[in-house]
PDB file of N, CA and C in Angstrom:
ATOM      1  N   MET A   1      71.276 -50.869 -39.909  1.00  0.00           N
ATOM      2  CA  MET A   1      72.003 -51.076 -38.890  1.00  0.00           C
ATOM      3  C   MET A   1      72.975 -51.997 -39.166  1.00  0.00           C
ATOM      4  N   GLN A   2      74.280 -51.547 -38.377  1.00  0.00           N
ATOM      5  CA  GLN A   2      75.601 -52.126 -38.694  1.00  0.00           C
ATOM      6  C   GLN A   2      75.668 -53.233 -37.753  1.00  0.00           C
ATOM      7  N   SER A   3      76.481 -54.400 -38.019  1.00  0.00           N
ATOM      8  CA  SER A   3      76.332 -55.611 -37.597  1.00  0.00           C
ATOM      9  C   SER A   3      77.971 -55.297 -36.627  1.00  0.00           C
ATOM     10  N   GLU A   4      77.937 -55.760 -35.387  1.00  0.00           N
ATOM     11  CA  GLU A   4      79.065 -55.941 -34.692  1.00  0.00           C
ATOM     12  C   GLU A   4      80.279 -56.886 -35.532  1.00  0.00           C
ATOM     13  N   HIS A   5      79.912 -57.582 -36.491  1.00  0.00           N
ATOM     14  CA  HIS A   5      80.825 -58.344 -36.892  1.00  0.00           C
ATOM     15  C   HIS A   5      81.701 -57.575 -38.281  1.00  0.00           C
ATOM     16  N   THR A   6      81.041 -56.346 -38.570  1.00  0.00           N
ATOM     17  CA  THR A   6      81.780 -55.580 -39.622  1.00  0.00           C
ATOM     18  C   THR A   6      83.154 -55.288 -39.180  1.00  0.00           C
ATOM     19  N   GLN A   7      84.202 -55.759 -39.999  1.00  0.00           N
ATOM     20  CA  GLN A   7      85.499 -55.588 -39.715  1.00  0.00           C
ATOM     21  C   GLN A   7      86.397 -55.621 -40.758  1.00  0.00           C
ATOM     22  N   ASN A   8      87.760 -55.062 -40.657  1.00  0.00           N
ATOM     23  CA  ASN A   8      88.658 -54.914 -41.706  1.00  0.00           C
ATOM     24  C   ASN A   8      89.206 -56.458 -41.831  1.00  0.00           C
ATOM     25  N   TYR A   9      89.804 -57.112 -43.101  1.00  0.00           N
ATOM     26  CA  TYR A   9      90.268 -57.957 -43.181  1.00  0.00           C
ATOM     27  C   TYR A   9      91.639 -57.990 -43.950  1.00  0.00           C
ATOM     28  N   SER A  10      92.869 -58.223 -43.370  1.00  0.00           N
ATOM     29  CA  SER A  10      94.072 -57.909 -44.170  1.00  0.00           C
ATOM     30  C   SER A  10      94.810 -59.128 -44.417  1.00  0.00           C
ATOM     31  N   VAL A  11      95.402 -59.140 -45.617  1.00  0.00           N
ATOM     32  CA  VAL A  11      96.534 -60.320 -46.121  1.00  0.00           C
ATOM     33  C   VAL A  11      97.523 -59.635 -46.998  1.00  0.00           C
ATOM     34  N   ASP A  12      98.677 -60.197 -46.402  1.00  0.00           N
ATOM     35  CA  ASP A  12      99.814 -59.589 -47.205  1.00  0.00           C
ATOM     36  C   ASP A  12      99.882 -58.063 -47.365  1.00  0.00           C
ATOM     37  N   GLY A  13      99.550 -57.251 -46.489  1.00  0.00           N
ATOM     38  CA  GLY A  13      99.370 -55.639 -46.528  1.00  0.00           C
ATOM     39  C   GLY A  13      98.335 -55.302 -47.381  1.00  0.00           C
ATOM     40  N   LYS A  14      97.520 -56.227 -47.634  1.00  0.00           N
ATOM     41  CA  LYS A  14      96.125 -55.892 -48.349  1.00  0.00           C
ATOM     42  C   LYS A  14      95.143 -55.807 -47.699  1.00  0.00           C
ATOM     43  N   THR A  15      94.139 -54.834 -47.660  1.00  0.00           N
ATOM     44  CA  THR A  15      93.263 -54.935 -46.555  1.00  0.00           C
ATOM     45  C   THR A  15      91.527 -54.588 -47.378  1.00  0.00           C
ATOM     46  N   VAL A  16      90.889 -55.303 -46.856  1.00  0.00           N
ATOM     47  CA  VAL A  16      89.153 -55.109 -47.422  1.00  0.00           C
ATOM     48  C   VAL A  16      88.472 -55.152 -46.359  1.00  0.00           C
ATOM     49  N   GLU A  17      87.266 -54.251 -46.170  1.00  0.00           N
ATOM     50  CA  GLU A  17      86.290 -54.243 -45.441  1.00  0.00           C
ATOM     51  C   GLU A  17      85.148 -55.154 -45.462  1.00  0.00           C
ATOM     52  N   ILE A  18      84.823 -55.970 -44.225  1.00  0.00           N
ATOM     53  CA  ILE A  18      83.587 -56.925 -44.574  1.00  0.00           C
ATOM     54  C   ILE A  18      82.556 -56.219 -43.684  1.00  0.00           C
ATOM     55  N   ASP A  19      81.521 -55.464 -44.765  1.00  0.00           N
ATOM     56  CA  ASP A  19      80.520 -54.704 -44.312  1.00  0.00           C
ATOM     57  C   ASP A  19      78.993 -55.657 -44.297  1.00  0.00           C
ATOM     58  N   ILE A  20      78.602 -55.697 -43.121  1.00  0.00           N
ATOM     59  CA  ILE A  20      77.388 -56.506 -42.871  1.00  0.00           C
ATOM     60  C   ILE A  20      76.604 -55.497 -42.226  1.00  0.00           C
ATOM     61  N   TYR A  21      75.408 -55.663 -42.713  1.00  0.00           N
ATOM     62  CA  TYR A  21      74.393 -54.490 -42.303  1.00  0.00           C
ATOM     63  C   TYR A  21      73.068 -54.856 -42.821  1.00  0.00           C
ATOM     64  N   ARG A  22      71.854 -54.250 -42.080  1.00  0.00           N
ATOM     65  CA  ARG A  22      70.681 -54.695 -42.283  1.00  0.00           C
ATOM     66  C   ARG A  22      69.732 -53.256 -42.225  1.00  0.00           C
ATOM     67  N   THR A  23      68.518 -53.502 -42.957  1.00  0.00           N
ATOM     68  CA  THR A  23      67.571 -52.608 -42.950  1.00  0.00           C
ATOM     69  C   THR A  23      66.431 -52.970 -42.089  1.00  0.00           C
ATOM     70  N   GLU A  24      65.338 -52.216 -41.751  1.00  0.00           N
ATOM     71  CA  GLU A  24      63.961 -52.912 -40.876  1.00  0.00           C
ATOM     72  C   GLU A  24      63.393 -54.033 -41.773  1.00  0.00           C
ATOM     73  N   ASP A  25      63.570 -54.014 -43.147  1.00  0.00           N
ATOM     74  CA  ASP A  25      62.764 -54.528 -43.901  1.00  0.00           C
ATOM     75  C   ASP A  25      63.505 -55.812 -44.686  1.00  0.00           C
ATOM     76  N   SER A  26      65.022 -56.113 -44.310  1.00  0.00           N
ATOM     77  CA  SER A  26      65.896 -56.931 -44.676  1.00  0.00           C
ATOM     78  C   SER A  26      66.441 -57.832 -44.096  1.00  0.00           C
ATOM     79  N   GLY A  27      67.108 -59.146 -44.323  1.00  0.00           N
ATOM     80  CA  GLY A  27      67.869 -59.828 -43.696  1.00  0.00           C
ATOM     81  C   GLY A  27      69.285 -59.132 -43.514  1.00  0.00           C
ATOM     82  N   TRP A  28      70.418 -59.537 -43.291  1.00  0.00           N
ATOM     83  CA  TRP A  28      71.739 -59.353 -42.946  1.00  0.00           C
ATOM     84  C   TRP A  28      72.375 -59.231 -44.627  1.00  0.00           C
ATOM     85  N   ILE A  29      72.857 -58.174 -44.932  1.00  0.00           N
ATOM     86  CA  ILE A  29      73.249 -57.726 -46.220  1.00  0.00           C
ATOM     87  C   ILE A  29      74.792 -58.012 -46.128  1.00  0.00           C
ATOM     88  N   LEU A  30      75.594 -58.537 -47.098  1.00  0.00           N
ATOM     89  CA  LEU A  30      77.230 -58.809 -47.045  1.00  0.00           C
ATOM     90  C   LEU A  30      77.816 -58.109 -48.025  1.00  0.00           C
ATOM     91  N   GLU A  31      78.597 -57.018 -47.877  1.00  0.00           N
ATOM     92  CA  GLU A  31      79.472 -56.432 -48.961  1.00  0.00           C
ATOM     93  C   GLU A  31      81.071 -56.406 -48.348  1.00  0.00           C
ATOM     94  N   ILE A  32      81.787 -56.925 -49.446  1.00  0.00           N
ATOM     95  CA  ILE A  32      83.125 -56.685 -49.251  1.00  0.00           C
ATOM     96  C   ILE A  32      83.493 -55.284 -50.026  1.00  0.00           C
ATOM     97  N   VAL A  33      84.406 -54.275 -49.167  1.00  0.00           N
ATOM     98  CA  VAL A  33      84.912 -53.202 -50.099  1.00  0.00           C
ATOM     99  C   VAL A  33      86.152 -53.165 -49.592  1.00  0.00           C
ATOM    100  N   ASP A  34      86.760 -52.641 -51.034  1.00  0.00           N
ATOM    101  CA  ASP A  34      88.372 -52.696 -51.104  1.00  0.00           C
ATOM    102  C   ASP A  34      88.682 -51.382 -50.743  1.00  0.00           C
ATOM    103  N   GLU A  35      90.146 -51.075 -50.808  1.00  0.00           N
ATOM    104  CA  GLU A  35      90.809 -49.919 -50.374  1.00  0.00           C
ATOM    105  C   GLU A  35      90.321 -48.807 -51.567  1.00  0.00           C
ATOM    106  N   ASN A  36      90.027 -49.142 -52.783  1.00  0.00           N
ATOM    107  CA  ASN A  36      89.933 -48.060 -53.771  1.00  0.00           C
ATOM    108  C   ASN A  36      87.934 -47.926 -53.761  1.00  0.00           C
ATOM    109  N   ASN A  37      87.382 -48.521 -52.735  1.00  0.00           N
ATOM    110  CA  ASN A  37      85.903 -48.178 -52.596  1.00  0.00           C
ATOM    111  C   ASN A  37      85.076 -48.834 -53.631  1.00  0.00           C
ATOM    112  N   ASN A  38      85.719 -50.047 -54.202  1.00  0.00           N
ATOM    113  CA  ASN A  38      85.073 -50.843 -55.252  1.00  0.00           C
ATOM    114  C   ASN A  38      84.474 -51.889 -54.193  1.00  0.00           C
ATOM    115  N   SER A  39      83.219 -52.421 -54.408  1.00  0.00           N
ATOM    116  CA  SER A  39      82.594 -53.379 -53.701  1.00  0.00           C
ATOM    117  C   SER A  39      81.965 -54.851 -54.672  1.00  0.00           C
ATOM    118  N   THR A  40      82.161 -55.636 -53.724  1.00  0.00           N
ATOM    119  CA  THR A  40      81.384 -57.100 -54.047  1.00  0.00           C
ATOM    120  C   THR A  40      80.136 -57.291 -52.805  1.00  0.00           C
ATOM    121  N   LEU A  41      79.160 -57.158 -53.720  1.00  0.00           N
ATOM    122  CA  LEU A  41      77.740 -57.344 -52.943  1.00  0.00           C
ATOM    123  C   LEU A  41      77.160 -58.782 -53.001  1.00  0.00           C
ATOM    124  N   TRP A  42      76.811 -59.569 -52.066  1.00  0.00           N
ATOM    125  CA  TRP A  42      76.334 -60.729 -51.979  1.00  0.00           C
ATOM    126  C   TRP A  42      74.815 -60.403 -52.396  1.00  0.00           C
ATOM    127  N   GLU A  43      74.327 -61.330 -53.364  1.00  0.00           N
ATOM    128  CA  GLU A  43      72.759 -60.995 -53.798  1.00  0.00           C
ATOM    129  C   GLU A  43      71.824 -61.469 -52.683  1.00  0.00           C
ATOM    130  N   ASP A  44      72.195 -62.653 -51.825  1.00  0.00           N
ATOM    131  CA  ASP A  44      71.590 -63.282 -50.916  1.00  0.00           C
ATOM    132  C   ASP A  44      71.528 -62.518 -49.853  1.00  0.00           C
ATOM    133  N   GLU A  45      70.476 -62.433 -49.018  1.00  0.00           N
ATOM    134  CA  GLU A  45      70.674 -62.068 -47.679  1.00  0.00           C
ATOM    135  C   GLU A  45      70.612 -63.112 -46.520  1.00  0.00           C
ATOM    136  N   PHE A  46      71.250 -62.933 -45.318  1.00  0.00           N
ATOM    137  CA  PHE A  46      71.467 -63.899 -44.195  1.00  0.00           C
ATOM    138  C   PHE A  46      70.462 -63.611 -43.321  1.00  0.00           C
ATOM    139  N   GLU A  47      69.899 -64.594 -42.567  1.00  0.00           N
ATOM    140  CA  GLU A  47      69.381 -64.839 -41.688  1.00  0.00           C
ATOM    141  C   GLU A  47      70.032 -64.166 -40.272  1.00  0.00           C
ATOM    142  N   LYS A  48      71.222 -64.334 -40.220  1.00  0.00           N
ATOM    143  CA  LYS A  48      71.835 -64.196 -38.914  1.00  0.00           C
ATOM    144  C   LYS A  48      73.267 -63.308 -39.450  1.00  0.00           C
ATOM    145  N   ASP A  49      73.581 -62.520 -38.919  1.00  0.00           N
ATOM    146  CA  ASP A  49      74.841 -61.680 -39.216  1.00  0.00           C
ATOM    147  C   ASP A  49      76.292 -62.487 -39.095  1.00  0.00           C
ATOM    148  N   ASN A  50      76.279 -63.241 -38.344  1.00  0.00           N
ATOM    149  CA  ASN A  50      77.283 -64.385 -38.136  1.00  0.00           C
ATOM    150  C   ASN A  50      77.660 -65.208 -39.167  1.00  0.00           C
ATOM    151  N   ASP A  51      76.209 -65.713 -39.733  1.00  0.00           N
ATOM    152  CA  ASP A  51      76.423 -66.597 -41.170  1.00  0.00           C
ATOM    153  C   ASP A  51      77.373 -65.483 -42.098  1.00  0.00           C
ATOM    154  N   ALA A  52      76.734 -64.010 -42.168  1.00  0.00           N
ATOM    155  CA  ALA A  52      77.314 -63.300 -43.145  1.00  0.00           C
ATOM    156  C   ALA A  52      78.781 -63.363 -43.146  1.00  0.00           C
ATOM    157  N   LEU A  53      79.451 -63.047 -41.895  1.00  0.00           N
ATOM    158  CA  LEU A  53      80.915 -63.139 -41.284  1.00  0.00           C
ATOM    159  C   LEU A  53      81.505 -64.542 -41.773  1.00  0.00           C
ATOM    160  N   VAL A  54      80.821 -65.618 -41.839  1.00  0.00           N
ATOM    161  CA  VAL A  54      81.425 -66.818 -41.943  1.00  0.00           C
ATOM    162  C   VAL A  54      81.573 -66.995 -43.323  1.00  0.00           C
ATOM    163  N   GLU A  55      80.679 -66.528 -44.264  1.00  0.00           N
ATOM    164  CA  GLU A  55      80.691 -66.535 -45.582  1.00  0.00           C
ATOM    165  C   GLU A  55      81.699 -65.666 -46.214  1.00  0.00           C
ATOM    166  N   ALA A  56      81.974 -64.491 -45.656  1.00  0.00           N
ATOM    167  CA  ALA A  56      82.782 -63.497 -46.164  1.00  0.00           C
ATOM    168  C   ALA A  56      84.232 -64.305 -45.742  1.00  0.00           C
ATOM    169  N   LEU A  57      84.419 -64.879 -44.666  1.00  0.00           N
ATOM    170  CA  LEU A  57      85.710 -65.247 -44.544  1.00  0.00           C
ATOM    171  C   LEU A  57      86.310 -66.439 -45.310  1.00  0.00           C
ATOM    172  N   ASP A  58      85.303 -67.284 -45.431  1.00  0.00           N
ATOM    173  CA  ASP A  58      85.330 -68.625 -46.432  1.00  0.00           C
ATOM    174  C   ASP A  58      85.873 -68.079 -47.755  1.00  0.00           C
ATOM    175  N   ALA A  59      85.115 -67.004 -48.129  1.00  0.00           N
ATOM    176  CA  ALA A  59      85.243 -66.512 -49.630  1.00  0.00           C
ATOM    177  C   ALA A  59      86.762 -65.894 -49.821  1.00  0.00           C
ATOM    178  N   LEU A  60      87.160 -65.321 -48.856  1.00  0.00           N
ATOM    179  CA  LEU A  60      88.024 -64.524 -48.701  1.00  0.00           C
ATOM    180  C   LEU A  60      89.392 -65.593 -48.871  1.00  0.00           C
ATOM    181  N   LYS A  61      89.111 -66.465 -48.023  1.00  0.00           N
ATOM    182  CA  LYS A  61      90.294 -67.596 -48.034  1.00  0.00           C
ATOM    183  C   LYS A  61      90.378 -68.704 -48.960  1.00  0.00           C
ATOM    184  N   GLU A  62      89.233 -68.885 -49.557  1.00  0.00           N
ATOM    185  CA  GLU A  62      89.241 -69.819 -50.602  1.00  0.00           C
ATOM    186  C   GLU A  62      89.533 -69.043 -52.058  1.00  0.00           C
ATOM    187  N   GLU A  63      89.137 -67.723 -52.112  1.00  0.00           N
ATOM    188  CA  GLU A  63      89.272 -67.274 -53.417  1.00  0.00           C
ATOM    189  C   GLU A  63      90.570 -66.245 -53.175  1.00  0.00           C
ATOM    190  N   GLY A  64      90.953 -65.901 -52.238  1.00  0.00           N
ATOM    191  CA  GLY A  64      92.105 -64.936 -52.151  1.00  0.00           C
ATOM    192  C   GLY A  64      91.337 -63.564 -52.026  1.00  0.00           C
ATOM    193  N   ILE A  65      92.185 -62.527 -51.169  1.00  0.00           N
ATOM    194  CA  ILE A  65      91.945 -61.447 -51.063  1.00  0.00           C
ATOM    195  C   ILE A  65      92.011 -60.616 -52.314  1.00  0.00           C
ATOM    196  N   ASP A  66      93.038 -60.858 -53.278  1.00  0.00           N
ATOM    197  CA  ASP A  66      92.951 -60.085 -54.674  1.00  0.00           C
ATOM    198  C   ASP A  66      91.689 -60.187 -55.222  1.00  0.00           C
ATOM    199  N   ASN A  67      90.985 -61.206 -55.149  1.00  0.00           N
ATOM    200  CA  ASN A  67      89.816 -61.342 -56.046  1.00  0.00           C
ATOM    201  C   ASN A  67      88.833 -60.415 -55.694  1.00  0.00           C
ATOM    202  N   PHE A  68      89.112 -59.674 -54.526  1.00  0.00           N
ATOM    203  CA  PHE A  68      88.230 -58.863 -54.010  1.00  0.00           C
ATOM    204  C   PHE A  68      88.559 -57.149 -54.137  1.00  0.00           C
ATOM    205  N   ILE A  69      89.827 -56.961 -54.891  1.00  0.00           N
ATOM    206  CA  ILE A  69      90.224 -55.881 -55.010  1.00  0.00           C
ATOM    207  C   ILE A  69      90.521 -55.380 -56.323  1.00  0.00           C
ATOM    208  N   GLU A  70      89.927 -54.337 -56.781  1.00  0.00           N
ATOM    209  CA  GLU A  70      89.918 -53.868 -58.063  1.00  0.00           C
ATOM    210  C   GLU A  70      90.516 -52.567 -58.293  1.00  0.00           C
ATOM    211  N   PRO A  71      91.211 -52.302 -59.758  1.00  0.00           N
ATOM    212  CA  PRO A  71      91.871 -50.940 -59.857  1.00  0.00           C
ATOM    213  C   PRO A  71      90.939 -49.635 -59.545  1.00  0.00           C
ATOM    214  N   ALA A  72      91.720 -48.660 -58.994  1.00  0.00           N
ATOM    215  CA  ALA A  72      90.931 -47.567 -58.578  1.00  0.00           C
ATOM    216  C   ALA A  72      90.242 -47.156 -59.875  1.00  0.00           C
ATOM    217  N   LYS A  73      89.154 -46.488 -59.980  1.00  0.00           N
ATOM    218  CA  LYS A  73      88.257 -45.968 -61.109  1.00  0.00           C
ATOM    219  C   LYS A  73      88.465 -44.347 -61.196  1.00  0.00           C
TER     220      LYS A  73
END
């Protein structure tokens, strides 16, 4: 199930997707996917999808969007 908080995040012409989803047997899963389809997946699950969104936005602001973009494979 996809969260309503899944969204694109852009800075300086660079964009990543904040992907928040869950299965029937899991908490909310957070993944940031870059334009080359590389992803950063959080190991811990979240009780609320909004908590995952806050974590993603904090990480992007603190670490910078470039830390979540990798070269094409």
